[in-house]
Amino acid sequence: MAQLGGWVGYRVGEWRHEMRGALRWLVVELAPEPGVARTCMGCGGRVEAIHDRTMRRVRDLPVFGDPVELRLPRLR
């Protein structure tokens, strides 16, 4: 599953299939790579502390015909 990715700074934590109505979705949960330096999206400087964490849900391209949802923490 990790080879399908290419999500820089993240690794595949878990994955599973979820039925949503008549569609089977592939849900991939990503986790931040340990030891990767985080940078500010505004200035590009290195971040020393994480102030907030929210879960972001992103649709991605289908895999083997199943729609894909990525779940990844957004760190601020």
Protein backbone atom coordinates (compact mmCIF):
# COMPACT_ATOMS: atom_id res chain seq x y z
CA MET A 1 0.00 0.00 0.00
CA ALA A 2 2.83 2.41 0.82
CA GLN A 3 4.19 2.03 -2.72
CA LEU A 4 0.99 3.54 -4.13
CA GLY A 5 1.65 6.77 -2.25
CA GLY A 6 4.38 9.25 -2.70
CA TRP A 7 3.07 11.50 0.06
CA VAL A 8 6.22 13.36 1.12
CA GLY A 9 6.59 13.55 4.90
CA TYR A 10 3.87 10.94 5.55
CA ARG A 11 3.67 7.17 5.77
CA VAL A 12 0.71 4.81 5.52
CA GLY A 13 -0.57 4.14 9.03
CA GLU A 14 -3.63 1.98 8.28
CA TRP A 15 -5.92 1.23 5.38
CA ARG A 16 -9.32 -0.40 5.09
CA HIS A 17 -12.42 -0.67 2.92
CA GLU A 18 -15.66 1.09 3.96
CA MET A 19 -19.06 0.56 2.39
CA ARG A 20 -20.84 3.86 1.68
CA GLY A 21 -24.17 3.07 0.12
CA ALA A 22 -23.48 0.85 -2.88
CA LEU A 23 -19.83 1.97 -3.21
CA ARG A 24 -16.82 0.38 -1.56
CA TRP A 25 -14.28 3.07 -0.60
CA LEU A 26 -10.60 2.56 0.12
CA VAL A 27 -9.71 4.65 3.17
CA VAL A 28 -5.99 5.28 3.73
CA GLU A 29 -4.86 6.88 6.98
CA LEU A 30 -1.54 8.68 6.74
CA ALA A 31 0.73 9.51 9.67
CA PRO A 32 3.59 12.03 9.78
CA GLU A 33 7.01 10.46 9.20
CA PRO A 34 8.99 10.56 12.44
CA GLY A 35 12.06 12.76 12.31
CA VAL A 36 10.98 14.79 9.27
CA ALA A 37 11.47 18.53 9.79
CA ARG A 38 8.21 20.48 9.49
CA THR A 39 8.14 23.84 7.73
CA CYS A 40 5.78 26.81 7.88
CA MET A 41 3.46 27.02 4.86
CA GLY A 42 3.65 30.83 5.04
CA CYS A 43 7.36 31.64 5.36
CA GLY A 44 9.00 28.26 4.74
CA GLY A 45 10.92 28.42 8.04
CA ARG A 46 11.45 25.39 10.25
CA VAL A 47 8.69 24.77 12.82
CA GLU A 48 9.78 24.01 16.37
CA ALA A 49 6.36 23.37 17.92
CA ILE A 50 2.99 22.04 16.78
CA HIS A 51 0.10 24.10 18.14
CA ASP A 52 -2.88 22.31 16.68
CA ARG A 53 -3.80 19.11 14.86
CA THR A 54 -6.94 18.52 12.82
CA MET A 55 -7.90 15.59 10.60
CA ARG A 56 -8.19 16.37 6.91
CA ARG A 57 -10.10 14.12 4.50
CA VAL A 58 -8.95 14.28 0.88
CA ARG A 59 -10.31 12.42 -2.14
CA ASP A 60 -7.64 10.86 -4.32
CA LEU A 61 -7.59 8.99 -7.62
CA PRO A 62 -9.34 5.59 -7.67
CA VAL A 63 -7.32 2.45 -6.98
CA PHE A 64 -8.46 -0.67 -8.86
CA GLY A 65 -11.84 0.97 -9.43
CA ASP A 66 -12.49 1.88 -5.77
CA PRO A 67 -12.79 5.57 -4.85
CA VAL A 68 -10.07 6.63 -2.39
CA GLU A 69 -10.20 8.88 0.65
CA LEU A 70 -6.98 9.93 2.37
CA ARG A 71 -7.14 10.87 6.03
CA LEU A 72 -4.17 12.82 7.27
CA PRO A 73 -3.47 15.06 10.21
CA ARG A 74 -3.00 18.73 9.38
CA LEU A 75 -0.41 20.12 11.76
CA ARG A 76 -0.26 23.84 12.62
